[in-house]
Every structure is written in structure tokens, then in C-alpha cells.
Amino acid sequence: AGGSGMQDIWTASRTSTQDAFSGV
């Protein structure tokens, strides 16, 4: 939900490679 209804490209980031991704 929140995209076009088909397969879309999503992204997230993190401040270090030890962290979980956020800001989807």
C-alpha cells in the first residue's frame, strides 16, 4: 500500500551498517 498498486521500487536508509534500515 502507498505505491502505484503494482510492483514499485522502495527505499530505506541507515546511519551505519550495524543499524536496521528505516525511513521506508
mmCIF file of all heavy atoms, coordinates in Angstrom:
data_MODEL
# 
_entry.id   MODEL 
# 
loop_
_atom_site.group_PDB 
_atom_site.id 
_atom_site.type_symbol 
_atom_site.label_atom_id 
_atom_site.label_alt_id 
_atom_site.label_comp_id 
_atom_site.label_asym_id 
_atom_site.label_entity_id 
_atom_site.label_seq_id 
_atom_site.pdbx_PDB_ins_code 
_atom_site.Cartn_x 
_atom_site.Cartn_y 
_atom_site.Cartn_z 
_atom_site.occupancy 
_atom_site.B_iso_or_equiv 
_atom_site.pdbx_formal_charge 
_atom_site.auth_seq_id 
_atom_site.auth_comp_id 
_atom_site.auth_asym_id 
_atom_site.auth_atom_id 
_atom_site.pdbx_PDB_model_num 
ATOM 1   N N   . ALA A 1 1  ? 0.832  -1.198 0.000   1.00 0.00 ? 1  ALA A N   1 
ATOM 2   C CA  . ALA A 1 1  ? 0.000  0.000  0.000   1.00 0.00 ? 1  ALA A CA  1 
ATOM 3   C C   . ALA A 1 1  ? 0.869  1.251  0.000   1.00 0.00 ? 1  ALA A C   1 
ATOM 4   O O   . ALA A 1 1  ? 1.937  1.288  0.617   1.00 0.00 ? 1  ALA A O   1 
ATOM 5   C CB  . ALA A 1 1  ? -0.918 -0.008 1.216   1.00 0.00 ? 1  ALA A CB  1 
ATOM 6   N N   . GLY A 1 2  ? 0.413  2.275  -0.700  1.00 0.00 ? 2  GLY A N   1 
ATOM 7   C CA  . GLY A 1 2  ? 1.146  3.526  -0.782  1.00 0.00 ? 2  GLY A CA  1 
ATOM 8   C C   . GLY A 1 2  ? 1.883  3.707  -2.083  1.00 0.00 ? 2  GLY A C   1 
ATOM 9   O O   . GLY A 1 2  ? 2.403  4.797  -2.361  1.00 0.00 ? 2  GLY A O   1 
ATOM 10  N N   . GLY A 1 3  ? 1.922  2.645  -2.903  1.00 0.00 ? 3  GLY A N   1 
ATOM 11  C CA  . GLY A 1 3  ? 2.570  2.736  -4.202  1.00 0.00 ? 3  GLY A CA  1 
ATOM 12  C C   . GLY A 1 3  ? 1.546  2.847  -5.316  1.00 0.00 ? 3  GLY A C   1 
ATOM 13  O O   . GLY A 1 3  ? 0.408  3.277  -5.110  1.00 0.00 ? 3  GLY A O   1 
ATOM 14  N N   . SER A 1 4  ? 1.930  2.420  -6.510  1.00 0.00 ? 4  SER A N   1 
ATOM 15  C CA  . SER A 1 4  ? 1.054  2.536  -7.676  1.00 0.00 ? 4  SER A CA  1 
ATOM 16  C C   . SER A 1 4  ? 0.038  1.411  -7.759  1.00 0.00 ? 4  SER A C   1 
ATOM 17  O O   . SER A 1 4  ? -0.867 1.452  -8.591  1.00 0.00 ? 4  SER A O   1 
ATOM 18  C CB  . SER A 1 4  ? 1.900  2.542  -8.959  1.00 0.00 ? 4  SER A CB  1 
ATOM 19  O OG  . SER A 1 4  ? 2.459  1.252  -9.183  1.00 0.00 ? 4  SER A OG  1 
ATOM 20  N N   . GLY A 1 5  ? 0.189  0.387  -6.908  1.00 0.00 ? 5  GLY A N   1 
ATOM 21  C CA  . GLY A 1 5  ? -0.671 -0.778 -6.969  1.00 0.00 ? 5  GLY A CA  1 
ATOM 22  C C   . GLY A 1 5  ? -0.020 -1.967 -7.633  1.00 0.00 ? 5  GLY A C   1 
ATOM 23  O O   . GLY A 1 5  ? -0.483 -3.100 -7.495  1.00 0.00 ? 5  GLY A O   1 
ATOM 24  N N   . MET A 1 6  ? 1.062  -1.727 -8.378  1.00 0.00 ? 6  MET A N   1 
ATOM 25  C CA  . MET A 1 6  ? 1.861  -2.793 -8.968  1.00 0.00 ? 6  MET A CA  1 
ATOM 26  C C   . MET A 1 6  ? 3.203  -2.818 -8.240  1.00 0.00 ? 6  MET A C   1 
ATOM 27  O O   . MET A 1 6  ? 3.385  -2.177 -7.212  1.00 0.00 ? 6  MET A O   1 
ATOM 28  C CB  . MET A 1 6  ? 2.038  -2.552 -10.466 1.00 0.00 ? 6  MET A CB  1 
ATOM 29  C CG  . MET A 1 6  ? 0.746  -2.604 -11.258 1.00 0.00 ? 6  MET A CG  1 
ATOM 30  S SD  . MET A 1 6  ? 0.047  -4.274 -11.369 1.00 0.00 ? 6  MET A SD  1 
ATOM 31  C CE  . MET A 1 6  ? 1.134  -4.982 -12.614 1.00 0.00 ? 6  MET A CE  1 
ATOM 32  N N   . GLN A 1 7  ? 4.168  -3.570 -8.782  1.00 0.00 ? 7  GLN A N   1 
ATOM 33  C CA  . GLN A 1 7  ? 5.494  -3.608 -8.174  1.00 0.00 ? 7  GLN A CA  1 
ATOM 34  C C   . GLN A 1 7  ? 6.185  -2.262 -8.384  1.00 0.00 ? 7  GLN A C   1 
ATOM 35  O O   . GLN A 1 7  ? 6.387  -1.832 -9.517  1.00 0.00 ? 7  GLN A O   1 
ATOM 36  C CB  . GLN A 1 7  ? 6.342  -4.724 -8.795  1.00 0.00 ? 7  GLN A CB  1 
ATOM 37  C CG  . GLN A 1 7  ? 5.836  -6.124 -8.507  1.00 0.00 ? 7  GLN A CG  1 
ATOM 38  C CD  . GLN A 1 7  ? 6.127  -6.585 -7.096  1.00 0.00 ? 7  GLN A CD  1 
ATOM 39  O OE1 . GLN A 1 7  ? 6.965  -6.015 -6.408  1.00 0.00 ? 7  GLN A OE1 1 
ATOM 40  N NE2 . GLN A 1 7  ? 5.447  -7.626 -6.661  1.00 0.00 ? 7  GLN A NE2 1 
ATOM 41  N N   . ASP A 1 8  ? 6.520  -1.605 -7.290  1.00 0.00 ? 8  ASP A N   1 
ATOM 42  C CA  . ASP A 1 8  ? 7.247  -0.345 -7.338  1.00 0.00 ? 8  ASP A CA  1 
ATOM 43  C C   . ASP A 1 8  ? 8.592  -0.513 -6.639  1.00 0.00 ? 8  ASP A C   1 
ATOM 44  O O   . ASP A 1 8  ? 8.814  -1.486 -5.910  1.00 0.00 ? 8  ASP A O   1 
ATOM 45  C CB  . ASP A 1 8  ? 6.469  0.768  -6.631  1.00 0.00 ? 8  ASP A CB  1 
ATOM 46  C CG  . ASP A 1 8  ? 5.207  1.167  -7.372  1.00 0.00 ? 8  ASP A CG  1 
ATOM 47  O OD1 . ASP A 1 8  ? 5.231  1.203  -8.614  1.00 0.00 ? 8  ASP A OD1 1 
ATOM 48  O OD2 . ASP A 1 8  ? 4.197  1.441  -6.700  1.00 0.00 ? 8  ASP A OD2 1 
ATOM 49  N N   . ILE A 1 9  ? 9.469  0.455  -6.837  1.00 0.00 ? 9  ILE A N   1 
ATOM 50  C CA  . ILE A 1 9  ? 10.762 0.447  -6.160  1.00 0.00 ? 9  ILE A CA  1 
ATOM 51  C C   . ILE A 1 9  ? 10.642 1.263  -4.873  1.00 0.00 ? 9  ILE A C   1 
ATOM 52  O O   . ILE A 1 9  ? 10.217 2.418  -4.893  1.00 0.00 ? 9  ILE A O   1 
ATOM 53  C CB  . ILE A 1 9  ? 11.864 1.020  -7.064  1.00 0.00 ? 9  ILE A CB  1 
ATOM 54  C CG1 . ILE A 1 9  ? 11.983 0.175  -8.332  1.00 0.00 ? 9  ILE A CG1 1 
ATOM 55  C CG2 . ILE A 1 9  ? 13.194 1.073  -6.312  1.00 0.00 ? 9  ILE A CG2 1 
ATOM 56  C CD1 . ILE A 1 9  ? 12.951 0.730  -9.362  1.00 0.00 ? 9  ILE A CD1 1 
ATOM 57  N N   . TRP A 1 10 ? 11.018 0.640  -3.767  1.00 0.00 ? 10 TRP A N   1 
ATOM 58  C CA  . TRP A 1 10 ? 11.003 1.267  -2.449  1.00 0.00 ? 10 TRP A CA  1 
ATOM 59  C C   . TRP A 1 10 ? 12.431 1.403  -1.948  1.00 0.00 ? 10 TRP A C   1 
ATOM 60  O O   . TRP A 1 10 ? 13.337 0.689  -2.418  1.00 0.00 ? 10 TRP A O   1 
ATOM 61  C CB  . TRP A 1 10 ? 10.161 0.439  -1.476  1.00 0.00 ? 10 TRP A CB  1 
ATOM 62  C CG  . TRP A 1 10 ? 8.704  0.424  -1.839  1.00 0.00 ? 10 TRP A CG  1 
ATOM 63  C CD1 . TRP A 1 10 ? 8.113  -0.248 -2.872  1.00 0.00 ? 10 TRP A CD1 1 
ATOM 64  C CD2 . TRP A 1 10 ? 7.650  1.134  -1.181  1.00 0.00 ? 10 TRP A CD2 1 
ATOM 65  N NE1 . TRP A 1 10 ? 6.766  -0.002 -2.915  1.00 0.00 ? 10 TRP A NE1 1 
ATOM 66  C CE2 . TRP A 1 10 ? 6.449  0.849  -1.873  1.00 0.00 ? 10 TRP A CE2 1 
ATOM 67  C CE3 . TRP A 1 10 ? 7.600  1.972  -0.082  1.00 0.00 ? 10 TRP A CE3 1 
ATOM 68  C CZ2 . TRP A 1 10 ? 5.210  1.370  -1.493  1.00 0.00 ? 10 TRP A CZ2 1 
ATOM 69  C CZ3 . TRP A 1 10 ? 6.373  2.501  0.306   1.00 0.00 ? 10 TRP A CZ3 1 
ATOM 70  C CH2 . TRP A 1 10 ? 5.197  2.198  -0.399  1.00 0.00 ? 10 TRP A CH2 1 
ATOM 71  N N   . THR A 1 11 ? 12.641 2.301  -1.013  1.00 0.00 ? 11 THR A N   1 
ATOM 72  C CA  . THR A 1 11 ? 13.986 2.503  -0.480  1.00 0.00 ? 11 THR A CA  1 
ATOM 73  C C   . THR A 1 11 ? 13.932 2.787  1.009   1.00 0.00 ? 11 THR A C   1 
ATOM 74  O O   . THR A 1 11 ? 12.893 3.187  1.550   1.00 0.00 ? 11 THR A O   1 
ATOM 75  C CB  . THR A 1 11 ? 14.693 3.660  -1.219  1.00 0.00 ? 11 THR A CB  1 
ATOM 76  O OG1 . THR A 1 11 ? 16.059 3.742  -0.807  1.00 0.00 ? 11 THR A OG1 1 
ATOM 77  C CG2 . THR A 1 11 ? 14.011 4.997  -0.949  1.00 0.00 ? 11 THR A CG2 1 
ATOM 78  N N   . ALA A 1 12 ? 15.029 2.550  1.671   1.00 0.00 ? 12 ALA A N   1 
ATOM 79  C CA  . ALA A 1 12 ? 15.204 2.862  3.090   1.00 0.00 ? 12 ALA A CA  1 
ATOM 80  C C   . ALA A 1 12 ? 16.689 3.122  3.304   1.00 0.00 ? 12 ALA A C   1 
ATOM 81  O O   . ALA A 1 12 ? 17.529 2.790  2.454   1.00 0.00 ? 12 ALA A O   1 
ATOM 82  C CB  . ALA A 1 12 ? 14.712 1.715  3.980   1.00 0.00 ? 12 ALA A CB  1 
ATOM 83  N N   . SER A 1 13 ? 17.038 3.700  4.438   1.00 0.00 ? 13 SER A N   1 
ATOM 84  C CA  . SER A 1 13 ? 18.437 4.027  4.712   1.00 0.00 ? 13 SER A CA  1 
ATOM 85  C C   . SER A 1 13 ? 18.769 3.751  6.167   1.00 0.00 ? 13 SER A C   1 
ATOM 86  O O   . SER A 1 13 ? 17.889 3.464  6.994   1.00 0.00 ? 13 SER A O   1 
ATOM 87  C CB  . SER A 1 13 ? 18.711 5.496  4.377   1.00 0.00 ? 13 SER A CB  1 
ATOM 88  O OG  . SER A 1 13 ? 17.876 6.349  5.149   1.00 0.00 ? 13 SER A OG  1 
ATOM 89  N N   . ARG A 1 14 ? 20.047 3.855  6.482   1.00 0.00 ? 14 ARG A N   1 
ATOM 90  C CA  . ARG A 1 14 ? 20.519 3.691  7.862   1.00 0.00 ? 14 ARG A CA  1 
ATOM 91  C C   . ARG A 1 14 ? 21.786 4.506  8.031   1.00 0.00 ? 14 ARG A C   1 
ATOM 92  O O   . ARG A 1 14 ? 22.439 4.871  7.050   1.00 0.00 ? 14 ARG A O   1 
ATOM 93  C CB  . ARG A 1 14 ? 20.767 2.214  8.179   1.00 0.00 ? 14 ARG A CB  1 
ATOM 94  C CG  . ARG A 1 14 ? 21.753 1.514  7.230   1.00 0.00 ? 14 ARG A CG  1 
ATOM 95  C CD  . ARG A 1 14 ? 21.808 0.022  7.483   1.00 0.00 ? 14 ARG A CD  1 
ATOM 96  N NE  . ARG A 1 14 ? 22.708 -0.665 6.548   1.00 0.00 ? 14 ARG A NE  1 
ATOM 97  C CZ  . ARG A 1 14 ? 22.880 -1.987 6.526   1.00 0.00 ? 14 ARG A CZ  1 
ATOM 98  N NH1 . ARG A 1 14 ? 22.218 -2.762 7.378   1.00 0.00 ? 14 ARG A NH1 1 
ATOM 99  N NH2 . ARG A 1 14 ? 23.707 -2.530 5.642   1.00 0.00 ? 14 ARG A NH2 1 
ATOM 100 N N   . THR A 1 15 ? 22.141 4.791  9.287   1.00 0.00 ? 15 THR A N   1 
ATOM 101 C CA  . THR A 1 15 ? 23.311 5.637  9.542   1.00 0.00 ? 15 THR A CA  1 
ATOM 102 C C   . THR A 1 15 ? 24.602 4.838  9.629   1.00 0.00 ? 15 THR A C   1 
ATOM 103 O O   . THR A 1 15 ? 25.687 5.396  9.486   1.00 0.00 ? 15 THR A O   1 
ATOM 104 C CB  . THR A 1 15 ? 23.122 6.441  10.829  1.00 0.00 ? 15 THR A CB  1 
ATOM 105 O OG1 . THR A 1 15 ? 22.846 5.546  11.913  1.00 0.00 ? 15 THR A OG1 1 
ATOM 106 C CG2 . THR A 1 15 ? 21.963 7.416  10.678  1.00 0.00 ? 15 THR A CG2 1 
ATOM 107 N N   . SER A 1 16 ? 24.510 3.534  9.893   1.00 0.00 ? 16 SER A N   1 
ATOM 108 C CA  . SER A 1 16 ? 25.690 2.672  9.870   1.00 0.00 ? 16 SER A CA  1 
ATOM 109 C C   . SER A 1 16 ? 25.254 1.282  9.441   1.00 0.00 ? 16 SER A C   1 
ATOM 110 O O   . SER A 1 16 ? 24.064 0.935  9.518   1.00 0.00 ? 16 SER A O   1 
ATOM 111 C CB  . SER A 1 16 ? 26.375 2.609  11.243  1.00 0.00 ? 16 SER A CB  1 
ATOM 112 O OG  . SER A 1 16 ? 25.883 1.555  12.025  1.00 0.00 ? 16 SER A OG  1 
ATOM 113 N N   . THR A 1 17 ? 26.198 0.495  8.990   1.00 0.00 ? 17 THR A N   1 
ATOM 114 C CA  . THR A 1 17 ? 25.861 -0.838 8.516   1.00 0.00 ? 17 THR A CA  1 
ATOM 115 C C   . THR A 1 17 ? 25.503 -1.785 9.662   1.00 0.00 ? 17 THR A C   1 
ATOM 116 O O   . THR A 1 17 ? 25.109 -2.927 9.416   1.00 0.00 ? 17 THR A O   1 
ATOM 117 C CB  . THR A 1 17 ? 27.022 -1.437 7.706   1.00 0.00 ? 17 THR A CB  1 
ATOM 118 O OG1 . THR A 1 17 ? 28.218 -1.404 8.497   1.00 0.00 ? 17 THR A OG1 1 
ATOM 119 C CG2 . THR A 1 17 ? 27.246 -0.650 6.427   1.00 0.00 ? 17 THR A CG2 1 
ATOM 120 N N   . GLN A 1 18 ? 25.650 -1.338 10.893  1.00 0.00 ? 18 GLN A N   1 
ATOM 121 C CA  . GLN A 1 18 ? 25.239 -2.144 12.033  1.00 0.00 ? 18 GLN A CA  1 
ATOM 122 C C   . GLN A 1 18 ? 23.767 -1.903 12.393  1.00 0.00 ? 18 GLN A C   1 
ATOM 123 O O   . GLN A 1 18 ? 23.217 -2.623 13.235  1.00 0.00 ? 18 GLN A O   1 
ATOM 124 C CB  . GLN A 1 18 ? 26.109 -1.825 13.259  1.00 0.00 ? 18 GLN A CB  1 
ATOM 125 C CG  . GLN A 1 18 ? 27.604 -1.700 12.979  1.00 0.00 ? 18 GLN A CG  1 
ATOM 126 C CD  . GLN A 1 18 ? 28.183 -2.889 12.251  1.00 0.00 ? 18 GLN A CD  1 
ATOM 127 O OE1 . GLN A 1 18 ? 27.898 -4.033 12.603  1.00 0.00 ? 18 GLN A OE1 1 
ATOM 128 N NE2 . GLN A 1 18 ? 28.983 -2.639 11.232  1.00 0.00 ? 18 GLN A NE2 1 
ATOM 129 N N   . ASP A 1 19 ? 23.147 -0.879 11.808  1.00 0.00 ? 19 ASP A N   1 
ATOM 130 C CA  . ASP A 1 19 ? 21.788 -0.494 12.161  1.00 0.00 ? 19 ASP A CA  1 
ATOM 131 C C   . ASP A 1 19 ? 20.767 -1.144 11.244  1.00 0.00 ? 19 ASP A C   1 
ATOM 132 O O   . ASP A 1 19 ? 21.082 -1.598 10.143  1.00 0.00 ? 19 ASP A O   1 
ATOM 133 C CB  . ASP A 1 19 ? 21.631 1.026  12.057  1.00 0.00 ? 19 ASP A CB  1 
ATOM 134 C CG  . ASP A 1 19 ? 22.506 1.778  13.033  1.00 0.00 ? 19 ASP A CG  1 
ATOM 135 O OD1 . ASP A 1 19 ? 22.792 1.236  14.117  1.00 0.00 ? 19 ASP A OD1 1 
ATOM 136 O OD2 . ASP A 1 19 ? 22.937 2.904  12.692  1.00 0.00 ? 19 ASP A OD2 1 
ATOM 137 N N   . ALA A 1 20 ? 19.507 -1.127 11.710  1.00 0.00 ? 20 ALA A N   1 
ATOM 138 C CA  . ALA A 1 20 ? 18.391 -1.522 10.858  1.00 0.00 ? 20 ALA A CA  1 
ATOM 139 C C   . ALA A 1 20 ? 18.075 -0.372 9.900   1.00 0.00 ? 20 ALA A C   1 
ATOM 140 O O   . ALA A 1 20 ? 18.373 0.793  10.169  1.00 0.00 ? 20 ALA A O   1 
ATOM 141 C CB  . ALA A 1 20 ? 17.175 -1.852 11.703  1.00 0.00 ? 20 ALA A CB  1 
ATOM 142 N N   . PHE A 1 21 ? 17.464 -0.716 8.760   1.00 0.00 ? 21 PHE A N   1 
ATOM 143 C CA  . PHE A 1 21 ? 17.020 0.302  7.814   1.00 0.00 ? 21 PHE A CA  1 
ATOM 144 C C   . PHE A 1 21 ? 15.743 0.962  8.319   1.00 0.00 ? 21 PHE A C   1 
ATOM 145 O O   . PHE A 1 21 ? 14.916 0.328  8.976   1.00 0.00 ? 21 PHE A O   1 
ATOM 146 C CB  . PHE A 1 21 ? 16.770 -0.318 6.434   1.00 0.00 ? 21 PHE A CB  1 
ATOM 147 C CG  . PHE A 1 21 ? 18.019 -0.777 5.735   1.00 0.00 ? 21 PHE A CG  1 
ATOM 148 C CD1 . PHE A 1 21 ? 18.385 -2.113 5.736   1.00 0.00 ? 21 PHE A CD1 1 
ATOM 149 C CD2 . PHE A 1 21 ? 18.813 0.134  5.069   1.00 0.00 ? 21 PHE A CD2 1 
ATOM 150 C CE1 . PHE A 1 21 ? 19.535 -2.541 5.090   1.00 0.00 ? 21 PHE A CE1 1 
ATOM 151 C CE2 . PHE A 1 21 ? 19.974 -0.280 4.415   1.00 0.00 ? 21 PHE A CE2 1 
ATOM 152 C CZ  . PHE A 1 21 ? 20.330 -1.615 4.428   1.00 0.00 ? 21 PHE A CZ  1 
ATOM 153 N N   . SER A 1 22 ? 15.566 2.238  7.992   1.00 0.00 ? 22 SER A N   1 
ATOM 154 C CA  . SER A 1 22 ? 14.361 2.965  8.397   1.00 0.00 ? 22 SER A CA  1 
ATOM 155 C C   . SER A 1 22 ? 14.032 4.000  7.335   1.00 0.00 ? 22 SER A C   1 
ATOM 156 O O   . SER A 1 22 ? 14.758 4.155  6.345   1.00 0.00 ? 22 SER A O   1 
ATOM 157 C CB  . SER A 1 22 ? 14.567 3.630  9.762   1.00 0.00 ? 22 SER A CB  1 
ATOM 158 O OG  . SER A 1 22 ? 15.610 4.598  9.690   1.00 0.00 ? 22 SER A OG  1 
ATOM 159 N N   . GLY A 1 23 ? 12.940 4.734  7.557   1.00 0.00 ? 23 GLY A N   1 
ATOM 160 C CA  . GLY A 1 23 ? 12.535 5.764  6.595   1.00 0.00 ? 23 GLY A CA  1 
ATOM 161 C C   . GLY A 1 23 ? 12.045 5.183  5.289   1.00 0.00 ? 23 GLY A C   1 
ATOM 162 O O   . GLY A 1 23 ? 12.325 5.713  4.210   1.00 0.00 ? 23 GLY A O   1 
ATOM 163 N N   . VAL A 1 24 ? 11.281 4.098  5.358   1.00 0.00 ? 24 VAL A N   1 
ATOM 164 C CA  . VAL A 1 24 ? 10.809 3.418  4.150   1.00 0.00 ? 24 VAL A CA  1 
ATOM 165 C C   . VAL A 1 24 ? 9.896  4.333  3.336   1.00 0.00 ? 24 VAL A C   1 
ATOM 166 O O   . VAL A 1 24 ? 8.944  4.918  3.860   1.00 0.00 ? 24 VAL A O   1 
ATOM 167 C CB  . VAL A 1 24 ? 10.057 2.124  4.536   1.00 0.00 ? 24 VAL A CB  1 
ATOM 168 C CG1 . VAL A 1 24 ? 9.377  1.513  3.320   1.00 0.00 ? 24 VAL A CG1 1 
ATOM 169 C CG2 . VAL A 1 24 ? 11.009 1.132  5.189   1.00 0.00 ? 24 VAL A CG2 1 
# 
